[in-house]
Amino acid sequence: MNTKNLAIAALVCGIIGIGGSFIPYAKYIMPLCAIASIVLGAIALDQIKKTGEIENKSLALGGLICGIVSLAWDVIAIACAVCAICALAGVASGLAAYAVIL
């Protein structure tokens, strides 16, 4: 695969990763797209360094940045979902203990 195709694929995966992070159930699958964007962007930047072709560097760098932002956003969203579930479980167990006392 040539450098331009890798850079474009990285950018597309990064944009899909960011856009999919706001879709309720797709946000749990989007980290895969973000990881693919990071990997493809890094490979494209490495090839750009070796060959010296600078015209695709912005695409590769954009894909890498979009992938990192998307992955960070997805990790924060998943952590918030886990915290919310734990908080609800704590409230439910507290209410159950209160009901036993009554």
C-alpha atoms as a PDB file:
ATOM      1  CA  MET A   1       0.000   0.000   0.000  1.00  0.00           C
ATOM      2  CA  ASN A   2       1.434   3.377  -0.904  1.00  0.00           C
ATOM      3  CA  THR A   3       1.788   6.278   1.488  1.00  0.00           C
ATOM      4  CA  LYS A   4      -1.133   8.310   0.148  1.00  0.00           C
ATOM      5  CA  ASN A   5      -3.570   5.423   0.589  1.00  0.00           C
ATOM      6  CA  LEU A   6      -2.341   4.780   4.137  1.00  0.00           C
ATOM      7  CA  ALA A   7      -2.686   8.455   5.030  1.00  0.00           C
ATOM      8  CA  ILE A   8      -6.200   8.673   3.596  1.00  0.00           C
ATOM      9  CA  ALA A   9      -7.232   5.464   5.373  1.00  0.00           C
ATOM     10  CA  ALA A  10      -5.870   6.847   8.657  1.00  0.00           C
ATOM     11  CA  LEU A  11      -7.815  10.074   8.244  1.00  0.00           C
ATOM     12  CA  VAL A  12     -11.043   8.281   7.314  1.00  0.00           C
ATOM     13  CA  CYS A  13     -10.748   5.891  10.271  1.00  0.00           C
ATOM     14  CA  GLY A  14     -10.048   8.827  12.589  1.00  0.00           C
ATOM     15  CA  ILE A  15     -13.054  10.797  11.384  1.00  0.00           C
ATOM     16  CA  ILE A  16     -15.316   7.747  11.640  1.00  0.00           C
ATOM     17  CA  GLY A  17     -13.938   7.109  15.125  1.00  0.00           C
ATOM     18  CA  ILE A  18     -14.743  10.634  16.278  1.00  0.00           C
ATOM     19  CA  GLY A  19     -18.174  10.669  14.642  1.00  0.00           C
ATOM     20  CA  GLY A  20     -19.082   7.231  15.911  1.00  0.00           C
ATOM     21  CA  SER A  21     -18.174   8.181  19.461  1.00  0.00           C
ATOM     22  CA  PHE A  22     -21.407  10.132  19.722  1.00  0.00           C
ATOM     23  CA  ILE A  23     -23.642   7.246  18.623  1.00  0.00           C
ATOM     24  CA  PRO A  24     -24.925   5.475  21.750  1.00  0.00           C
ATOM     25  CA  TYR A  25     -24.021   1.822  21.170  1.00  0.00           C
ATOM     26  CA  ALA A  26     -21.363   2.345  18.505  1.00  0.00           C
ATOM     27  CA  LYS A  27     -19.075   4.109  20.961  1.00  0.00           C
ATOM     28  CA  TYR A  28     -18.057   0.753  22.419  1.00  0.00           C
ATOM     29  CA  ILE A  29     -16.794  -0.423  19.001  1.00  0.00           C
ATOM     30  CA  MET A  30     -15.185   2.846  17.884  1.00  0.00           C
ATOM     31  CA  PRO A  31     -11.943   2.330  19.844  1.00  0.00           C
ATOM     32  CA  LEU A  32     -11.066  -0.310  17.226  1.00  0.00           C
ATOM     33  CA  CYS A  33     -11.420   2.291  14.497  1.00  0.00           C
ATOM     34  CA  ALA A  34      -9.369   4.765  16.528  1.00  0.00           C
ATOM     35  CA  ILE A  35      -6.597   2.221  17.046  1.00  0.00           C
ATOM     36  CA  ALA A  36      -6.593   1.465  13.314  1.00  0.00           C
ATOM     37  CA  SER A  37      -6.290   5.192  12.620  1.00  0.00           C
ATOM     38  CA  ILE A  38      -3.341   5.536  14.994  1.00  0.00           C
ATOM     39  CA  VAL A  39      -1.542   2.530  13.506  1.00  0.00           C
ATOM     40  CA  LEU A  40      -2.136   3.563   9.877  1.00  0.00           C
ATOM     41  CA  GLY A  41      -1.142   7.149  10.589  1.00  0.00           C
ATOM     42  CA  ALA A  42       2.079   6.057  12.301  1.00  0.00           C
ATOM     43  CA  ILE A  43       2.974   3.719   9.433  1.00  0.00           C
ATOM     44  CA  ALA A  44       2.261   6.471   6.888  1.00  0.00           C
ATOM     45  CA  LEU A  45       4.396   8.980   8.809  1.00  0.00           C
ATOM     46  CA  ASP A  46       7.215   6.432   8.999  1.00  0.00           C
ATOM     47  CA  GLN A  47       7.050   5.876   5.235  1.00  0.00           C
ATOM     48  CA  ILE A  48       7.006   9.647   4.671  1.00  0.00           C
ATOM     49  CA  LYS A  49      10.163   9.970   6.778  1.00  0.00           C
ATOM     50  CA  LYS A  50      11.905   7.238   4.785  1.00  0.00           C
ATOM     51  CA  THR A  51      10.868   8.407   1.311  1.00  0.00           C
ATOM     52  CA  GLY A  52      10.840  12.148   1.921  1.00  0.00           C
ATOM     53  CA  GLU A  53       7.501  12.792   0.190  1.00  0.00           C
ATOM     54  CA  ILE A  54       5.968  15.625   2.157  1.00  0.00           C
ATOM     55  CA  GLU A  55       2.671  16.113   0.310  1.00  0.00           C
ATOM     56  CA  ASN A  56       0.821  13.403   2.291  1.00  0.00           C
ATOM     57  CA  LYS A  57       2.192  14.326   5.698  1.00  0.00           C
ATOM     58  CA  SER A  58      -0.809  16.463   6.652  1.00  0.00           C
ATOM     59  CA  LEU A  59      -3.234  13.626   5.876  1.00  0.00           C
ATOM     60  CA  ALA A  60      -1.231  11.149   7.950  1.00  0.00           C
ATOM     61  CA  LEU A  61      -0.796  13.588  10.823  1.00  0.00           C
ATOM     62  CA  GLY A  62      -4.500  14.465  10.747  1.00  0.00           C
ATOM     63  CA  GLY A  63      -5.414  10.780  10.886  1.00  0.00           C
ATOM     64  CA  LEU A  64      -3.042  10.212  13.776  1.00  0.00           C
ATOM     65  CA  ILE A  65      -4.442  13.166  15.731  1.00  0.00           C
ATOM     66  CA  CYS A  66      -8.057  12.188  15.031  1.00  0.00           C
ATOM     67  CA  GLY A  67      -7.307   8.642  16.183  1.00  0.00           C
ATOM     68  CA  ILE A  68      -5.727   9.828  19.424  1.00  0.00           C
ATOM     69  CA  VAL A  69      -8.604  12.220  20.159  1.00  0.00           C
ATOM     70  CA  SER A  70     -11.169   9.544  19.359  1.00  0.00           C
ATOM     71  CA  LEU A  71      -9.461   6.949  21.539  1.00  0.00           C
ATOM     72  CA  ALA A  72      -9.166   9.375  24.458  1.00  0.00           C
ATOM     73  CA  TRP A  73     -12.827  10.338  24.117  1.00  0.00           C
ATOM     74  CA  ASP A  74     -13.886   6.674  23.979  1.00  0.00           C
ATOM     75  CA  VAL A  75     -11.850   5.765  27.069  1.00  0.00           C
ATOM     76  CA  ILE A  76     -13.401   8.652  29.009  1.00  0.00           C
ATOM     77  CA  ALA A  77     -16.912   7.683  27.861  1.00  0.00           C
ATOM     78  CA  ILE A  78     -16.437   4.032  28.825  1.00  0.00           C
ATOM     79  CA  ALA A  79     -15.006   5.039  32.215  1.00  0.00           C
ATOM     80  CA  CYS A  80     -18.031   7.283  32.827  1.00  0.00           C
ATOM     81  CA  ALA A  81     -20.404   4.458  31.899  1.00  0.00           C
ATOM     82  CA  VAL A  82     -18.641   2.079  34.305  1.00  0.00           C
ATOM     83  CA  CYS A  83     -18.772   4.691  37.088  1.00  0.00           C
ATOM     84  CA  ALA A  84     -22.477   5.271  36.491  1.00  0.00           C
ATOM     85  CA  ILE A  85     -23.198   1.539  36.638  1.00  0.00           C
ATOM     86  CA  CYS A  86     -21.203   1.193  39.877  1.00  0.00           C
ATOM     87  CA  ALA A  87     -23.020   4.170  41.403  1.00  0.00           C
ATOM     88  CA  LEU A  88     -26.399   2.703  40.499  1.00  0.00           C
ATOM     89  CA  ALA A  89     -25.385  -0.657  41.971  1.00  0.00           C
ATOM     90  CA  GLY A  90     -24.350   1.070  45.191  1.00  0.00           C
ATOM     91  CA  VAL A  91     -27.636   2.960  45.409  1.00  0.00           C
ATOM     92  CA  ALA A  92     -29.597  -0.223  44.706  1.00  0.00           C
ATOM     93  CA  SER A  93     -27.787  -2.161  47.421  1.00  0.00           C
ATOM     94  CA  GLY A  94     -28.315   0.720  49.864  1.00  0.00           C
ATOM     95  CA  LEU A  95     -32.014   0.758  49.136  1.00  0.00           C
ATOM     96  CA  ALA A  96     -32.190  -3.012  49.544  1.00  0.00           C
ATOM     97  CA  ALA A  97     -30.507  -2.784  52.951  1.00  0.00           C
ATOM     98  CA  TYR A  98     -32.892  -0.004  53.970  1.00  0.00           C
ATOM     99  CA  ALA A  99     -35.889  -2.075  52.888  1.00  0.00           C
ATOM    100  CA  VAL A 100     -34.705  -5.006  55.052  1.00  0.00           C
ATOM    101  CA  ILE A 101     -34.529  -2.719  58.096  1.00  0.00           C
ATOM    102  CA  LEU A 102     -38.108  -1.555  57.582  1.00  0.00           C
END
